[in-house]
């Protein structure tokens, strides 16, 4: 479900109108997250870390309004909930997409996520929930502890789905860290919102 945002009463009206017609309206921020607590929790509970961290990232997105906003035709809409598609690596070193439906807790999401990976790895397709924009597009680059990231992109300034990337886990003293990249459309999301996202995501990671 979604509702249309009244542009005329929206506090970001001026910012939205300024950025909406940019040829490249996206900005990207990458930073390291401390994943020590969640990593340990997954080991203790036989959870897939990659699915668990996806759950917390998606949960964070759903709690920040700006990450649920999209441009649909000429309207700005706010979805009640967003879900995830993510790249998965195939046995021949190509990749395809996998859909991860949201669940109420980390254990349910782990079970559903493992089923999804098995299903979509067999399908080996890019045509995954392709008609939907109530999504976050995720990728994983587990071979590189990157410090920045640039996505491939069509020249379409109305593609407003946020794109997020998990990187290679590394040790920093006794702590485990992981780079994470967030790319968003500036007509809908500002740096302050991405800052809130990183802070809330880190709080959730620390809570385990």
Protein backbone atom coordinates (compact mmCIF):
# COMPACT_ATOMS: atom_id res chain seq x y z
CA UNK A 1 0.00 0.00 0.00
CA UNK A 2 1.08 3.57 -0.61
CA UNK A 3 -0.17 7.14 -0.34
CA UNK A 4 0.65 10.14 -2.48
CA UNK A 5 2.69 12.91 -0.88
CA UNK A 6 1.22 16.40 -1.19
CA UNK A 7 4.14 18.23 -2.78
CA UNK A 8 2.74 21.66 -1.95
CA UNK A 9 2.75 21.02 1.81
CA UNK A 10 5.89 18.86 1.87
CA UNK A 11 8.76 20.44 3.80
CA UNK A 12 11.19 19.21 1.11
CA UNK A 13 9.25 20.75 -1.81
CA UNK A 14 12.05 23.18 -2.75
CA UNK A 15 14.77 20.51 -2.50
CA UNK A 16 12.67 18.04 -4.47
CA UNK A 17 12.05 20.49 -7.28
CA UNK A 18 15.73 21.45 -7.34
CA UNK A 19 17.06 17.90 -7.80
CA UNK A 20 14.27 16.00 -9.58
CA UNK A 21 15.39 16.87 -13.11
CA UNK A 22 19.15 16.37 -12.65
CA UNK A 23 20.61 14.02 -15.23
CA UNK A 24 22.39 12.24 -12.38
CA UNK A 25 20.52 13.01 -9.15
CA UNK A 26 22.07 10.17 -7.13
CA UNK A 27 24.61 10.49 -4.34
CA UNK A 28 26.48 7.70 -2.62
CA UNK A 29 27.96 7.39 0.87
CA UNK A 30 30.11 4.45 2.02
CA UNK A 31 31.26 3.80 5.59
CA UNK A 32 32.40 0.92 7.79
CA UNK A 33 29.94 -0.72 10.15
CA UNK A 34 30.86 -2.60 13.32
CA UNK A 35 29.21 -5.99 12.86
CA UNK A 36 30.92 -7.79 15.78
CA UNK A 37 27.81 -8.43 17.87
CA UNK A 38 25.60 -9.59 15.02
CA UNK A 39 28.38 -11.77 13.62
CA UNK A 40 28.75 -13.54 16.97
CA UNK A 41 24.97 -13.88 17.37
CA UNK A 42 24.70 -15.54 13.95
CA UNK A 43 27.44 -18.02 14.80
CA UNK A 44 25.74 -18.90 18.09
CA UNK A 45 22.30 -19.35 16.50
CA UNK A 46 23.21 -20.96 13.16
CA UNK A 47 21.96 -17.98 11.16
CA UNK A 48 23.36 -16.90 7.81
CA UNK A 49 25.14 -13.62 8.52
CA UNK A 50 24.48 -12.28 5.01
CA UNK A 51 20.73 -12.78 5.48
CA UNK A 52 20.71 -11.43 9.04
CA UNK A 53 22.51 -8.20 8.09
CA UNK A 54 20.13 -7.81 5.14
CA UNK A 55 17.18 -8.10 7.55
CA UNK A 56 18.51 -5.36 9.84
CA UNK A 57 19.33 -3.12 6.89
CA UNK A 58 15.85 -3.55 5.47
CA UNK A 59 14.26 -3.07 8.88
CA UNK A 60 16.20 0.19 9.21
CA UNK A 61 14.98 1.40 5.81
CA UNK A 62 11.40 0.75 6.80
CA UNK A 63 11.77 2.89 9.91
CA UNK A 64 12.98 5.99 8.03
CA UNK A 65 10.28 7.57 5.89
CA UNK A 66 12.57 8.93 3.17
CA UNK A 67 13.72 5.41 2.27
CA UNK A 68 10.10 4.47 1.53
CA UNK A 69 9.51 7.38 -0.87
CA UNK A 70 9.50 6.87 -4.64
CA UNK A 71 8.68 8.88 -7.74
CA UNK A 72 5.92 7.11 -9.69
CA UNK A 73 5.13 8.84 -12.97
CA UNK A 74 4.96 12.48 -11.83
CA UNK A 75 3.90 11.81 -8.24
CA UNK A 76 5.87 11.24 -5.05
CA UNK A 77 4.45 8.29 -3.12
CA UNK A 78 5.18 6.85 0.31
CA UNK A 79 4.96 3.07 0.67
CA UNK A 80 3.88 1.44 3.91
CA UNK A 81 6.68 -1.10 3.59
CA UNK A 82 9.61 -1.87 1.32
CA UNK A 83 11.27 -5.22 0.67
CA UNK A 84 14.51 -6.38 -0.93
CA UNK A 85 16.06 -7.85 -4.01
CA UNK A 86 19.74 -8.76 -3.92
CA UNK A 87 22.39 -10.11 -6.26
CA UNK A 88 23.37 -13.76 -5.76
CA UNK A 89 26.46 -15.45 -7.18
CA UNK A 90 25.87 -18.43 -9.47
CA UNK A 91 28.13 -21.46 -9.75
CA UNK A 92 29.56 -20.23 -13.08
CA UNK A 93 30.56 -16.86 -11.51
CA UNK A 94 27.72 -14.98 -13.18
CA UNK A 95 25.13 -13.35 -10.97
CA UNK A 96 21.37 -13.03 -10.89
CA UNK A 97 18.73 -11.49 -8.62
CA UNK A 98 16.91 -12.87 -5.60
CA UNK A 99 13.77 -11.55 -3.89
CA UNK A 100 13.71 -11.50 -0.09
CA UNK A 101 10.21 -10.99 1.34
CA UNK A 102 10.14 -9.15 4.67
CA UNK A 103 9.38 -11.14 7.83
CA UNK A 104 8.62 -10.16 11.41
CA UNK A 105 11.85 -11.30 13.05
CA UNK A 106 15.41 -12.29 12.21
CA UNK A 107 14.76 -16.04 12.57
CA UNK A 108 11.75 -16.04 10.22
CA UNK A 109 13.69 -13.90 7.74
CA UNK A 110 16.62 -16.35 7.87
CA UNK A 111 14.38 -19.31 7.03
CA UNK A 112 12.54 -17.46 4.25
CA UNK A 113 15.81 -16.02 2.93
CA UNK A 114 17.48 -19.41 2.64
CA UNK A 115 14.45 -20.72 0.75
CA UNK A 116 14.56 -17.70 -1.57
CA UNK A 117 18.25 -18.15 -2.34
CA UNK A 118 17.68 -21.79 -3.30
CA UNK A 119 14.68 -20.87 -5.46
CA UNK A 120 16.23 -17.95 -7.32
CA UNK A 121 19.62 -19.58 -7.77
CA UNK A 122 17.80 -22.27 -9.77
CA UNK A 123 15.85 -19.66 -11.75
CA UNK A 124 18.98 -17.64 -12.55
CA UNK A 125 17.14 -14.54 -13.74
CA UNK A 126 17.25 -10.74 -13.68
CA UNK A 127 13.46 -10.58 -14.03
CA UNK A 128 12.69 -10.51 -10.30
CA UNK A 129 9.78 -8.36 -9.09
CA UNK A 130 10.72 -6.11 -12.02
CA UNK A 131 7.42 -4.20 -12.02
CA UNK A 132 7.80 -3.07 -8.39
CA UNK A 133 9.49 0.01 -6.94
CA UNK A 134 8.64 -0.71 -3.27
CA UNK A 135 12.05 -2.34 -2.95
CA UNK A 136 15.65 -1.69 -1.96
CA UNK A 137 18.18 -2.98 -4.50
CA UNK A 138 21.03 -4.75 -2.70
CA UNK A 139 24.35 -6.12 -3.89
CA UNK A 140 27.17 -7.95 -2.11
CA UNK A 141 30.87 -7.57 -2.97
CA UNK A 142 32.37 -9.93 -0.35
CA UNK A 143 35.83 -9.90 -1.96
CA UNK A 144 36.64 -6.21 -1.40
CA UNK A 145 36.66 -3.99 1.67
CA UNK A 146 35.80 -1.01 -0.50
CA UNK A 147 35.92 2.65 0.51
CA UNK A 148 33.60 3.94 -2.23
CA UNK A 149 31.20 2.53 -4.79
CA UNK A 150 29.77 3.46 -8.20
CA UNK A 151 26.70 1.69 -9.60
CA UNK A 152 25.94 0.99 -13.24
CA UNK A 153 22.93 3.09 -14.18
CA UNK A 154 20.60 3.85 -17.06
CA UNK A 155 20.06 7.52 -17.81
CA UNK A 156 16.76 7.65 -15.96
CA UNK A 157 16.33 10.26 -13.26
CA UNK A 158 12.96 8.79 -12.27
CA UNK A 159 14.55 5.51 -11.09
CA UNK A 160 14.32 6.27 -7.38
CA UNK A 161 14.87 2.90 -5.68
CA UNK A 162 17.78 3.14 -3.17
CA UNK A 163 20.76 0.87 -3.86
CA UNK A 164 22.88 -0.60 -1.08
CA UNK A 165 26.02 -2.75 -1.11
CA UNK A 166 27.68 -4.96 1.52
CA UNK A 167 31.47 -5.40 1.30
CA UNK A 168 34.14 -7.74 2.66
CA UNK A 169 34.31 -8.26 6.43
CA UNK A 170 37.64 -7.36 8.01
CA UNK A 171 39.17 -7.28 11.49
CA UNK A 172 40.07 -4.02 13.19
CA UNK A 173 41.68 -4.96 16.49
CA UNK A 174 39.18 -7.17 18.36
CA UNK A 175 36.22 -5.87 16.33
CA UNK A 176 34.78 -7.04 13.01
CA UNK A 177 33.95 -4.34 10.48
CA UNK A 178 32.21 -4.32 7.10
CA UNK A 179 31.98 -1.58 4.46
CA UNK A 180 28.48 -0.60 3.45
CA UNK A 181 27.38 1.69 0.62
CA UNK A 182 24.11 3.61 0.32
CA UNK A 183 23.04 5.32 -2.92
CA UNK A 184 19.88 7.43 -3.03
CA UNK A 185 18.03 9.93 -5.22
CA UNK A 186 18.66 13.45 -3.91
CA UNK A 187 15.16 14.64 -4.79
CA UNK A 188 13.85 12.27 -2.09
CA UNK A 189 16.71 11.77 0.36
CA UNK A 190 19.33 14.10 1.86
CA UNK A 191 22.57 13.51 3.71
CA UNK A 192 20.83 13.93 7.06
CA UNK A 193 18.56 10.99 6.24
CA UNK A 194 21.48 8.79 5.19
CA UNK A 195 23.20 9.78 8.44
CA UNK A 196 20.12 8.70 10.39
CA UNK A 197 20.11 5.47 8.42
CA UNK A 198 23.73 4.60 9.28
CA UNK A 199 23.25 5.51 12.96
CA UNK A 200 20.05 3.47 13.34
CA UNK A 201 21.53 0.53 11.42
CA UNK A 202 24.57 0.54 13.73
CA UNK A 203 22.31 0.65 16.80
CA UNK A 204 20.48 -2.44 15.54
CA UNK A 205 23.77 -4.23 14.82
CA UNK A 206 24.97 -3.47 18.34
CA UNK A 207 21.76 -4.75 19.95
CA UNK A 208 22.58 -8.46 19.42
